[in-house]
Amino acid sequence: MSTETVLTGAKARIAEGRLPAALELLRTGRLRHPGHAGIALLFADVLQASGQLSEAVATYTVALRIDDRTEDGWFGAGCAHLALNAAGAAATCFTRAAAPGPPTTPGGA
């Protein structure tokens, strides 16, 4: 299963409102492509949308270790921290998200 197959399939499932199916595909994708920031970031986003906030924070951390230049990753991590009432961690993430620099797309996603 290629990275493109994982990302395209997960995005289609998300658009259809099938978050559990998207999560399952992204879990498999993370196992097969552990160094792909785009898969990790989308996985974290879907975890957060599914209310799995602690797992989302952990997955954003993984995604940002792979590529810490993505504003979306820092913003998503900040939102997850804020939902967990971790205001200090959220502020740190939002500050990184707003830091000047060239916009990037993690893992070529």
PDB file of N, CA and C in Angstrom:
ATOM      1  N   MET A   1       0.852  -1.172   0.000  1.00  0.00           N
ATOM      2  CA  MET A   1       0.000   0.000   0.000  1.00  0.00           C
ATOM      3  C   MET A   1       0.905   1.244   0.000  1.00  0.00           C
ATOM      4  N   SER A   2       0.777   2.043  -1.032  1.00  0.00           N
ATOM      5  CA  SER A   2       1.607   3.239  -1.157  1.00  0.00           C
ATOM      6  C   SER A   2       1.109   4.357  -0.240  1.00  0.00           C
ATOM      7  N   THR A   3       1.959   5.343  -0.022  1.00  0.00           N
ATOM      8  CA  THR A   3       1.560   6.499   0.793  1.00  0.00           C
ATOM      9  C   THR A   3       0.396   7.230   0.133  1.00  0.00           C
ATOM     10  N   GLU A   4       0.432   7.330  -1.191  1.00  0.00           N
ATOM     11  CA  GLU A   4      -0.649   8.005  -1.915  1.00  0.00           C
ATOM     12  C   GLU A   4      -1.974   7.266  -1.737  1.00  0.00           C
ATOM     13  N   THR A   5      -1.930   5.940  -1.759  1.00  0.00           N
ATOM     14  CA  THR A   5      -3.135   5.135  -1.554  1.00  0.00           C
ATOM     15  C   THR A   5      -3.707   5.373  -0.160  1.00  0.00           C
ATOM     16  N   VAL A   6      -2.835   5.416   0.836  1.00  0.00           N
ATOM     17  CA  VAL A   6      -3.284   5.657   2.214  1.00  0.00           C
ATOM     18  C   VAL A   6      -3.928   7.032   2.324  1.00  0.00           C
ATOM     19  N   LEU A   7      -3.223   8.063   1.847  1.00  0.00           N
ATOM     20  CA  LEU A   7      -3.735   9.429   1.984  1.00  0.00           C
ATOM     21  C   LEU A   7      -5.026   9.639   1.195  1.00  0.00           C
ATOM     22  N   THR A   8      -5.055   9.173  -0.039  1.00  0.00           N
ATOM     23  CA  THR A   8      -6.251   9.343  -0.874  1.00  0.00           C
ATOM     24  C   THR A   8      -7.437   8.582  -0.283  1.00  0.00           C
ATOM     25  N   GLY A   9      -7.188   7.349   0.134  1.00  0.00           N
ATOM     26  CA  GLY A   9      -8.260   6.548   0.719  1.00  0.00           C
ATOM     27  C   GLY A   9      -8.781   7.133   2.016  1.00  0.00           C
ATOM     28  N   ALA A  10      -7.868   7.613   2.860  1.00  0.00           N
ATOM     29  CA  ALA A  10      -8.293   8.200   4.134  1.00  0.00           C
ATOM     30  C   ALA A  10      -9.093   9.478   3.910  1.00  0.00           C
ATOM     31  N   LYS A  11      -8.631  10.309   2.989  1.00  0.00           N
ATOM     32  CA  LYS A  11      -9.350  11.563   2.707  1.00  0.00           C
ATOM     33  C   LYS A  11     -10.737  11.285   2.140  1.00  0.00           C
ATOM     34  N   ALA A  12     -10.869  10.263   1.315  1.00  0.00           N
ATOM     35  CA  ALA A  12     -12.190   9.897   0.774  1.00  0.00           C
ATOM     36  C   ALA A  12     -13.110   9.439   1.893  1.00  0.00           C
ATOM     37  N   ARG A  13     -12.592   8.633   2.806  1.00  0.00           N
ATOM     38  CA  ARG A  13     -13.407   8.158   3.926  1.00  0.00           C
ATOM     39  C   ARG A  13     -13.814   9.319   4.837  1.00  0.00           C
ATOM     40  N   ILE A  14     -12.899  10.250   5.058  1.00  0.00           N
ATOM     41  CA  ILE A  14     -13.212  11.427   5.877  1.00  0.00           C
ATOM     42  C   ILE A  14     -14.323  12.236   5.210  1.00  0.00           C
ATOM     43  N   ALA A  15     -14.210  12.451   3.907  1.00  0.00           N
ATOM     44  CA  ALA A  15     -15.228  13.223   3.174  1.00  0.00           C
ATOM     45  C   ALA A  15     -16.593  12.557   3.243  1.00  0.00           C
ATOM     46  N   GLU A  16     -16.601  11.231   3.345  1.00  0.00           N
ATOM     47  CA  GLU A  16     -17.856  10.488   3.457  1.00  0.00           C
ATOM     48  C   GLU A  16     -18.350  10.419   4.897  1.00  0.00           C
ATOM     49  N   GLY A  17     -17.583  10.974   5.833  1.00  0.00           N
ATOM     50  CA  GLY A  17     -17.970  10.937   7.241  1.00  0.00           C
ATOM     51  C   GLY A  17     -17.667   9.612   7.912  1.00  0.00           C
ATOM     52  N   ARG A  18     -16.814   8.813   7.314  1.00  0.00           N
ATOM     53  CA  ARG A  18     -16.478   7.494   7.847  1.00  0.00           C
ATOM     54  C   ARG A  18     -15.158   7.560   8.600  1.00  0.00           C
ATOM     55  N   LEU A  19     -15.162   8.265   9.731  1.00  0.00           N
ATOM     56  CA  LEU A  19     -13.932   8.461  10.498  1.00  0.00           C
ATOM     57  C   LEU A  19     -13.333   7.159  11.028  1.00  0.00           C
ATOM     58  N   PRO A  20     -14.139   6.211  11.545  1.00  0.00           N
ATOM     59  CA  PRO A  20     -13.524   4.953  11.996  1.00  0.00           C
ATOM     60  C   PRO A  20     -12.787   4.219  10.868  1.00  0.00           C
ATOM     61  N   ALA A  21     -13.345   4.232   9.679  1.00  0.00           N
ATOM     62  CA  ALA A  21     -12.687   3.582   8.542  1.00  0.00           C
ATOM     63  C   ALA A  21     -11.409   4.324   8.160  1.00  0.00           C
ATOM     64  N   ALA A  22     -11.448   5.655   8.235  1.00  0.00           N
ATOM     65  CA  ALA A  22     -10.244   6.448   7.957  1.00  0.00           C
ATOM     66  C   ALA A  22      -9.162   6.153   8.994  1.00  0.00           C
ATOM     67  N   LEU A  23      -9.558   6.064  10.263  1.00  0.00           N
ATOM     68  CA  LEU A  23      -8.592   5.756  11.321  1.00  0.00           C
ATOM     69  C   LEU A  23      -7.934   4.403  11.097  1.00  0.00           C
ATOM     70  N   GLU A  24      -8.723   3.413  10.716  1.00  0.00           N
ATOM     71  CA  GLU A  24      -8.178   2.079  10.489  1.00  0.00           C
ATOM     72  C   GLU A  24      -7.158   2.093   9.349  1.00  0.00           C
ATOM     73  N   LEU A  25      -7.488   2.770   8.264  1.00  0.00           N
ATOM     74  CA  LEU A  25      -6.570   2.861   7.135  1.00  0.00           C
ATOM     75  C   LEU A  25      -5.294   3.618   7.527  1.00  0.00           C
ATOM     76  N   LEU A  26      -5.450   4.697   8.269  1.00  0.00           N
ATOM     77  CA  LEU A  26      -4.286   5.490   8.684  1.00  0.00           C
ATOM     78  C   LEU A  26      -3.412   4.730   9.681  1.00  0.00           C
ATOM     79  N   ARG A  27      -4.019   3.935  10.550  1.00  0.00           N
ATOM     80  CA  ARG A  27      -3.223   3.097  11.473  1.00  0.00           C
ATOM     81  C   ARG A  27      -2.338   2.137  10.681  1.00  0.00           C
ATOM     82  N   THR A  28      -2.931   1.511   9.696  1.00  0.00           N
ATOM     83  CA  THR A  28      -2.171   0.602   8.837  1.00  0.00           C
ATOM     84  C   THR A  28      -1.093   1.372   8.083  1.00  0.00           C
ATOM     85  N   GLY A  29      -1.451   2.524   7.577  1.00  0.00           N
ATOM     86  CA  GLY A  29      -0.489   3.355   6.861  1.00  0.00           C
ATOM     87  C   GLY A  29       0.679   3.786   7.735  1.00  0.00           C
ATOM     88  N   ARG A  30       0.408   4.105   8.995  1.00  0.00           N
ATOM     89  CA  ARG A  30       1.487   4.504   9.924  1.00  0.00           C
ATOM     90  C   ARG A  30       2.443   3.341  10.161  1.00  0.00           C
ATOM     91  N   LEU A  31       1.906   2.127  10.246  1.00  0.00           N
ATOM     92  CA  LEU A  31       2.764   0.963  10.445  1.00  0.00           C
ATOM     93  C   LEU A  31       3.648   0.699   9.225  1.00  0.00           C
ATOM     94  N   ARG A  32       3.084   0.880   8.057  1.00  0.00           N
ATOM     95  CA  ARG A  32       3.833   0.617   6.821  1.00  0.00           C
ATOM     96  C   ARG A  32       4.761   1.755   6.432  1.00  0.00           C
ATOM     97  N   HIS A  33       4.425   2.960   6.852  1.00  0.00           N
ATOM     98  CA  HIS A  33       5.209   4.147   6.470  1.00  0.00           C
ATOM     99  C   HIS A  33       5.459   5.010   7.719  1.00  0.00           C
ATOM    100  N   PRO A  34       6.209   4.486   8.688  1.00  0.00           N
ATOM    101  CA  PRO A  34       6.374   5.197   9.960  1.00  0.00           C
ATOM    102  C   PRO A  34       7.082   6.547   9.847  1.00  0.00           C
ATOM    103  N   GLY A  35       7.810   6.788   8.776  1.00  0.00           N
ATOM    104  CA  GLY A  35       8.518   8.057   8.626  1.00  0.00           C
ATOM    105  C   GLY A  35       7.805   9.066   7.755  1.00  0.00           C
ATOM    106  N   HIS A  36       6.538   8.833   7.448  1.00  0.00           N
ATOM    107  CA  HIS A  36       5.792   9.744   6.572  1.00  0.00           C
ATOM    108  C   HIS A  36       4.991  10.740   7.418  1.00  0.00           C
ATOM    109  N   ALA A  37       5.434  11.982   7.398  1.00  0.00           N
ATOM    110  CA  ALA A  37       4.799  13.011   8.226  1.00  0.00           C
ATOM    111  C   ALA A  37       3.353  13.280   7.822  1.00  0.00           C
ATOM    112  N   GLY A  38       3.059  13.227   6.541  1.00  0.00           N
ATOM    113  CA  GLY A  38       1.694  13.506   6.079  1.00  0.00           C
ATOM    114  C   GLY A  38       0.686  12.501   6.597  1.00  0.00           C
ATOM    115  N   ILE A  39       1.062  11.232   6.608  1.00  0.00           N
ATOM    116  CA  ILE A  39       0.174  10.204   7.148  1.00  0.00           C
ATOM    117  C   ILE A  39       0.001  10.400   8.648  1.00  0.00           C
ATOM    118  N   ALA A  40       1.104  10.647   9.350  1.00  0.00           N
ATOM    119  CA  ALA A  40       1.026  10.860  10.803  1.00  0.00           C
ATOM    120  C   ALA A  40       0.155  12.074  11.135  1.00  0.00           C
ATOM    121  N   LEU A  41       0.313  13.145  10.374  1.00  0.00           N
ATOM    122  CA  LEU A  41      -0.462  14.360  10.635  1.00  0.00           C
ATOM    123  C   LEU A  41      -1.951  14.135  10.382  1.00  0.00           C
ATOM    124  N   LEU A  42      -2.290  13.494   9.285  1.00  0.00           N
ATOM    125  CA  LEU A  42      -3.704  13.234   9.007  1.00  0.00           C
ATOM    126  C   LEU A  42      -4.290  12.297  10.055  1.00  0.00           C
ATOM    127  N   PHE A  43      -3.511  11.305  10.476  1.00  0.00           N
ATOM    128  CA  PHE A  43      -3.948  10.397  11.534  1.00  0.00           C
ATOM    129  C   PHE A  43      -4.253  11.183  12.806  1.00  0.00           C
ATOM    130  N   ALA A  44      -3.350  12.092  13.180  1.00  0.00           N
ATOM    131  CA  ALA A  44      -3.562  12.905  14.376  1.00  0.00           C
ATOM    132  C   ALA A  44      -4.824  13.758  14.237  1.00  0.00           C
ATOM    133  N   ASP A  45      -5.024  14.354  13.071  1.00  0.00           N
ATOM    134  CA  ASP A  45      -6.216  15.173  12.838  1.00  0.00           C
ATOM    135  C   ASP A  45      -7.500  14.359  13.018  1.00  0.00           C
ATOM    136  N   VAL A  46      -7.505  13.138  12.477  1.00  0.00           N
ATOM    137  CA  VAL A  46      -8.707  12.308  12.567  1.00  0.00           C
ATOM    138  C   VAL A  46      -8.904  11.801  13.995  1.00  0.00           C
ATOM    139  N   LEU A  47      -7.818  11.489  14.681  1.00  0.00           N
ATOM    140  CA  LEU A  47      -7.935  11.125  16.096  1.00  0.00           C
ATOM    141  C   LEU A  47      -8.580  12.263  16.883  1.00  0.00           C
ATOM    142  N   GLN A  48      -8.116  13.479  16.624  1.00  0.00           N
ATOM    143  CA  GLN A  48      -8.677  14.639  17.324  1.00  0.00           C
ATOM    144  C   GLN A  48     -10.157  14.819  16.987  1.00  0.00           C
ATOM    145  N   ALA A  49     -10.495  14.700  15.718  1.00  0.00           N
ATOM    146  CA  ALA A  49     -11.898  14.844  15.302  1.00  0.00           C
ATOM    147  C   ALA A  49     -12.777  13.757  15.911  1.00  0.00           C
ATOM    148  N   SER A  50     -12.167  12.618  16.219  1.00  0.00           N
ATOM    149  CA  SER A  50     -12.899  11.505  16.827  1.00  0.00           C
ATOM    150  C   SER A  50     -12.944  11.592  18.348  1.00  0.00           C
ATOM    151  N   GLY A  51     -12.348  12.641  18.918  1.00  0.00           N
ATOM    152  CA  GLY A  51     -12.371  12.832  20.361  1.00  0.00           C
ATOM    153  C   GLY A  51     -11.303  12.070  21.116  1.00  0.00           C
ATOM    154  N   GLN A  52     -10.357  11.486  20.414  1.00  0.00           N
ATOM    155  CA  GLN A  52      -9.270  10.737  21.044  1.00  0.00           C
ATOM    156  C   GLN A  52      -8.083  11.685  21.243  1.00  0.00           C
ATOM    157  N   LEU A  53      -8.255  12.617  22.169  1.00  0.00           N
ATOM    158  CA  LEU A  53      -7.341  13.744  22.282  1.00  0.00           C
ATOM    159  C   LEU A  53      -5.941  13.365  22.751  1.00  0.00           C
ATOM    160  N   SER A  54      -5.827  12.500  23.732  1.00  0.00           N
ATOM    161  CA  SER A  54      -4.498  12.124  24.214  1.00  0.00           C
ATOM    162  C   SER A  54      -3.709  11.405  23.127  1.00  0.00           C
ATOM    163  N   GLU A  55      -4.367  10.510  22.412  1.00  0.00           N
ATOM    164  CA  GLU A  55      -3.696   9.810  21.315  1.00  0.00           C
ATOM    165  C   GLU A  55      -3.366  10.788  20.183  1.00  0.00           C
ATOM    166  N   ALA A  56      -4.232  11.773  19.970  1.00  0.00           N
ATOM    167  CA  ALA A  56      -3.959  12.791  18.949  1.00  0.00           C
ATOM    168  C   ALA A  56      -2.701  13.577  19.311  1.00  0.00           C
ATOM    169  N   VAL A  57      -2.581  14.006  20.565  1.00  0.00           N
ATOM    170  CA  VAL A  57      -1.387  14.746  20.992  1.00  0.00           C
ATOM    171  C   VAL A  57      -0.137  13.903  20.760  1.00  0.00           C
ATOM    172  N   ALA A  58      -0.185  12.642  21.142  1.00  0.00           N
ATOM    173  CA  ALA A  58       0.971  11.764  20.953  1.00  0.00           C
ATOM    174  C   ALA A  58       1.308  11.619  19.469  1.00  0.00           C
ATOM    175  N   THR A  59       0.298  11.542  18.632  1.00  0.00           N
ATOM    176  CA  THR A  59       0.539  11.368  17.201  1.00  0.00           C
ATOM    177  C   THR A  59       1.020  12.659  16.558  1.00  0.00           C
ATOM    178  N   TYR A  60       0.505  13.809  17.003  1.00  0.00           N
ATOM    179  CA  TYR A  60       1.068  15.082  16.522  1.00  0.00           C
ATOM    180  C   TYR A  60       2.547  15.173  16.888  1.00  0.00           C
ATOM    181  N   THR A  61       2.893  14.715  18.067  1.00  0.00           N
ATOM    182  CA  THR A  61       4.297  14.729  18.494  1.00  0.00           C
ATOM    183  C   THR A  61       5.147  13.910  17.534  1.00  0.00           C
ATOM    184  N   VAL A  62       4.658  12.738  17.159  1.00  0.00           N
ATOM    185  CA  VAL A  62       5.373  11.893  16.193  1.00  0.00           C
ATOM    186  C   VAL A  62       5.506  12.622  14.857  1.00  0.00           C
ATOM    187  N   ALA A  63       4.407  13.173  14.368  1.00  0.00           N
ATOM    188  CA  ALA A  63       4.423  13.868  13.076  1.00  0.00           C
ATOM    189  C   ALA A  63       5.408  15.035  13.093  1.00  0.00           C
ATOM    190  N   LEU A  64       5.436  15.766  14.200  1.00  0.00           N
ATOM    191  CA  LEU A  64       6.322  16.927  14.288  1.00  0.00           C
ATOM    192  C   LEU A  64       7.775  16.530  14.485  1.00  0.00           C
ATOM    193  N   ARG A  65       8.029  15.339  15.000  1.00  0.00           N
ATOM    194  CA  ARG A  65       9.411  14.842  15.048  1.00  0.00           C
ATOM    195  C   ARG A  65       9.905  14.512  13.641  1.00  0.00           C
ATOM    196  N   ILE A  66       8.998  14.058  12.804  1.00  0.00           N
ATOM    197  CA  ILE A  66       9.353  13.739  11.423  1.00  0.00           C
ATOM    198  C   ILE A  66       9.590  15.022  10.639  1.00  0.00           C
ATOM    199  N   ASP A  67       8.705  15.998  10.805  1.00  0.00           N
ATOM    200  CA  ASP A  67       8.825  17.278  10.094  1.00  0.00           C
ATOM    201  C   ASP A  67       8.225  18.375  10.968  1.00  0.00           C
ATOM    202  N   ASP A  68       9.094  19.157  11.580  1.00  0.00           N
ATOM    203  CA  ASP A  68       8.609  20.193  12.499  1.00  0.00           C
ATOM    204  C   ASP A  68       8.348  21.530  11.813  1.00  0.00           C
ATOM    205  N   ARG A  69       8.337  21.543  10.492  1.00  0.00           N
ATOM    206  CA  ARG A  69       8.132  22.799   9.759  1.00  0.00           C
ATOM    207  C   ARG A  69       6.692  23.021   9.318  1.00  0.00           C
ATOM    208  N   THR A  70       5.768  22.158   9.706  1.00  0.00           N
ATOM    209  CA  THR A  70       4.388  22.284   9.246  1.00  0.00           C
ATOM    210  C   THR A  70       3.517  23.067  10.233  1.00  0.00           C
ATOM    211  N   GLU A  71       2.993  24.161   9.747  1.00  0.00           N
ATOM    212  CA  GLU A  71       2.111  24.976  10.585  1.00  0.00           C
ATOM    213  C   GLU A  71       0.872  24.192  10.992  1.00  0.00           C
ATOM    214  N   ASP A  72       0.353  23.378  10.081  1.00  0.00           N
ATOM    215  CA  ASP A  72      -0.840  22.587  10.381  1.00  0.00           C
ATOM    216  C   ASP A  72      -0.608  21.641  11.557  1.00  0.00           C
ATOM    217  N   GLY A  73       0.568  21.043  11.600  1.00  0.00           N
ATOM    218  CA  GLY A  73       0.891  20.135  12.699  1.00  0.00           C
ATOM    219  C   GLY A  73       0.935  20.851  14.030  1.00  0.00           C
ATOM    220  N   TRP A  74       1.594  22.001  14.063  1.00  0.00           N
ATOM    221  CA  TRP A  74       1.679  22.769  15.310  1.00  0.00           C
ATOM    222  C   TRP A  74       0.309  23.277  15.728  1.00  0.00           C
ATOM    223  N   PHE A  75      -0.482  23.746  14.752  1.00  0.00           N
ATOM    224  CA  PHE A  75      -1.818  24.240  15.077  1.00  0.00           C
ATOM    225  C   PHE A  75      -2.703  23.111  15.611  1.00  0.00           C
ATOM    226  N   GLY A  76      -2.685  21.968  14.922  1.00  0.00           N
ATOM    227  CA  GLY A  76      -3.477  20.829  15.373  1.00  0.00           C
ATOM    228  C   GLY A  76      -3.086  20.372  16.769  1.00  0.00           C
ATOM    229  N   ALA A  77      -1.770  20.316  17.010  1.00  0.00           N
ATOM    230  CA  ALA A  77      -1.293  19.934  18.344  1.00  0.00           C
ATOM    231  C   ALA A  77      -1.766  20.942  19.384  1.00  0.00           C
ATOM    232  N   GLY A  78      -1.728  22.222  19.034  1.00  0.00           N
ATOM    233  CA  GLY A  78      -2.203  23.248  19.961  1.00  0.00           C
ATOM    234  C   GLY A  78      -3.678  23.090  20.283  1.00  0.00           C
ATOM    235  N   CYS A  79      -4.483  22.797  19.265  1.00  0.00           N
ATOM    236  CA  CYS A  79      -5.917  22.593  19.488  1.00  0.00           C
ATOM    237  C   CYS A  79      -6.168  21.383  20.386  1.00  0.00           C
ATOM    238  N   ALA A  80      -5.427  20.306  20.156  1.00  0.00           N
ATOM    239  CA  ALA A  80      -5.605  19.104  20.982  1.00  0.00           C
ATOM    240  C   ALA A  80      -5.190  19.383  22.423  1.00  0.00           C
ATOM    241  N   HIS A  81      -4.072  20.073  22.610  1.00  0.00           N
ATOM    242  CA  HIS A  81      -3.640  20.429  23.968  1.00  0.00           C
ATOM    243  C   HIS A  81      -4.688  21.316  24.645  1.00  0.00           C
ATOM    244  N   LEU A  82      -5.212  22.285  23.900  1.00  0.00           N
ATOM    245  CA  LEU A  82      -6.202  23.193  24.470  1.00  0.00           C
ATOM    246  C   LEU A  82      -7.460  22.425  24.888  1.00  0.00           C
ATOM    247  N   ALA A  83      -7.882  21.472  24.081  1.00  0.00           N
ATOM    248  CA  ALA A  83      -9.059  20.659  24.420  1.00  0.00           C
ATOM    249  C   ALA A  83      -8.818  19.820  25.673  1.00  0.00           C
ATOM    250  N   LEU A  84      -7.543  19.535  25.954  1.00  0.00           N
ATOM    251  CA  LEU A  84      -7.184  18.790  27.173  1.00  0.00           C
ATOM    252  C   LEU A  84      -6.869  19.736  28.344  1.00  0.00           C
ATOM    253  N   ASN A  85      -7.164  21.014  28.173  1.00  0.00           N
ATOM    254  CA  ASN A  85      -6.923  22.047  29.190  1.00  0.00           C
ATOM    255  C   ASN A  85      -5.443  22.210  29.532  1.00  0.00           C
ATOM    256  N   ALA A  86      -4.577  21.966  28.551  1.00  0.00           N
ATOM    257  CA  ALA A  86      -3.138  22.168  28.728  1.00  0.00           C
ATOM    258  C   ALA A  86      -2.770  23.469  28.015  1.00  0.00           C
ATOM    259  N   ALA A  87      -3.139  24.591  28.647  1.00  0.00           N
ATOM    260  CA  ALA A  87      -2.997  25.898  28.015  1.00  0.00           C
ATOM    261  C   ALA A  87      -1.555  26.249  27.688  1.00  0.00           C
ATOM    262  N   GLY A  88      -0.628  25.914  28.566  1.00  0.00           N
ATOM    263  CA  GLY A  88       0.777  26.238  28.315  1.00  0.00           C
ATOM    264  C   GLY A  88       1.317  25.514  27.091  1.00  0.00           C
ATOM    265  N   ALA A  89       1.042  24.223  27.002  1.00  0.00           N
ATOM    266  CA  ALA A  89       1.484  23.446  25.838  1.00  0.00           C
ATOM    267  C   ALA A  89       0.799  23.951  24.575  1.00  0.00           C
ATOM    268  N   ALA A  90      -0.477  24.302  24.689  1.00  0.00           N
ATOM    269  CA  ALA A  90      -1.209  24.829  23.539  1.00  0.00           C
ATOM    270  C   ALA A  90      -0.578  26.133  23.058  1.00  0.00           C
ATOM    271  N   ALA A  91      -0.248  27.021  23.992  1.00  0.00           N
ATOM    272  CA  ALA A  91       0.360  28.306  23.623  1.00  0.00           C
ATOM    273  C   ALA A  91       1.688  28.096  22.900  1.00  0.00           C
ATOM    274  N   THR A  92       2.478  27.158  23.384  1.00  0.00           N
ATOM    275  CA  THR A  92       3.756  26.858  22.739  1.00  0.00           C
ATOM    276  C   THR A  92       3.528  26.397  21.300  1.00  0.00           C
ATOM    277  N   CYS A  93       2.571  25.521  21.112  1.00  0.00           N
ATOM    278  CA  CYS A  93       2.273  25.016  19.769  1.00  0.00           C
ATOM    279  C   CYS A  93       1.756  26.119  18.855  1.00  0.00           C
ATOM    280  N   PHE A  94       0.849  26.948  19.364  1.00  0.00           N
ATOM    281  CA  PHE A  94       0.310  28.033  18.544  1.00  0.00           C
ATOM    282  C   PHE A  94       1.397  29.035  18.172  1.00  0.00           C
ATOM    283  N   THR A  95       2.323  29.280  19.078  1.00  0.00           N
ATOM    284  CA  THR A  95       3.447  30.173  18.793  1.00  0.00           C
ATOM    285  C   THR A  95       4.284  29.604  17.651  1.00  0.00           C
ATOM    286  N   ARG A  96       4.562  28.308  17.699  1.00  0.00           N
ATOM    287  CA  ARG A  96       5.325  27.669  16.618  1.00  0.00           C
ATOM    288  C   ARG A  96       4.543  27.725  15.305  1.00  0.00           C
ATOM    289  N   ALA A  97       3.227  27.537  15.381  1.00  0.00           N
ATOM    290  CA  ALA A  97       2.407  27.574  14.165  1.00  0.00           C
ATOM    291  C   ALA A  97       2.462  28.939  13.504  1.00  0.00           C
ATOM    292  N   ALA A  98       2.552  29.982  14.309  1.00  0.00           N
ATOM    293  CA  ALA A  98       2.539  31.352  13.789  1.00  0.00           C
ATOM    294  C   ALA A  98       3.931  31.881  13.466  1.00  0.00           C
ATOM    295  N   ALA A  99       4.960  31.099  13.744  1.00  0.00           N
ATOM    296  CA  ALA A  99       6.328  31.552  13.497  1.00  0.00           C
ATOM    297  C   ALA A  99       6.543  31.751  11.991  1.00  0.00           C
ATOM    298  N   PRO A 100       7.276  32.803  11.645  1.00  0.00           N
ATOM    299  CA  PRO A 100       7.522  33.037  10.219  1.00  0.00           C
ATOM    300  C   PRO A 100       8.387  31.918   9.626  1.00  0.00           C
ATOM    301  N   GLY A 101       8.140  31.670   8.390  1.00  0.00           N
ATOM    302  CA  GLY A 101       8.892  30.649   7.669  1.00  0.00           C
ATOM    303  C   GLY A 101       8.122  30.224   6.464  1.00  0.00           C
ATOM    304  N   PRO A 102       8.779  29.528   5.559  1.00  0.00           N
ATOM    305  CA  PRO A 102       8.063  29.102   4.351  1.00  0.00           C
ATOM    306  C   PRO A 102       7.036  28.040   4.671  1.00  0.00           C
ATOM    307  N   PRO A 103       5.838  28.124   4.091  1.00  0.00           N
ATOM    308  CA  PRO A 103       4.831  27.086   4.318  1.00  0.00           C
ATOM    309  C   PRO A 103       5.302  25.772   3.718  1.00  0.00           C
ATOM    310  N   THR A 104       4.953  24.691   4.384  1.00  0.00           N
ATOM    311  CA  THR A 104       5.328  23.369   3.897  1.00  0.00           C
ATOM    312  C   THR A 104       4.147  22.441   3.929  1.00  0.00           C
ATOM    313  N   THR A 105       4.254  21.388   3.190  1.00  0.00           N
ATOM    314  CA  THR A 105       3.273  20.304   3.226  1.00  0.00           C
ATOM    315  C   THR A 105       4.032  19.073   3.683  1.00  0.00           C
ATOM    316  N   PRO A 106       3.673  18.500   4.848  1.00  0.00           N
ATOM    317  CA  PRO A 106       4.456  17.393   5.379  1.00  0.00           C
ATOM    318  C   PRO A 106       4.448  16.172   4.477  1.00  0.00           C
ATOM    319  N   GLY A 107       5.603  15.602   4.298  1.00  0.00           N
ATOM    320  CA  GLY A 107       5.714  14.349   3.561  1.00  0.00           C
ATOM    321  C   GLY A 107       5.216  14.409   2.125  1.00  0.00           C
ATOM    322  N   GLY A 108       5.102  15.608   1.582  1.00  0.00           N
ATOM    323  CA  GLY A 108       4.641  15.734   0.219  1.00  0.00           C
ATOM    324  C   GLY A 108       3.164  15.448   0.032  1.00  0.00           C
ATOM    325  N   ALA A 109       2.405  15.503   1.135  1.00  0.00           N
ATOM    326  CA  ALA A 109       0.977  15.189   1.074  1.00  0.00           C
ATOM    327  C   ALA A 109       0.185  16.315   0.446  1.00  0.00           C
TER     328      ALA A 109
END
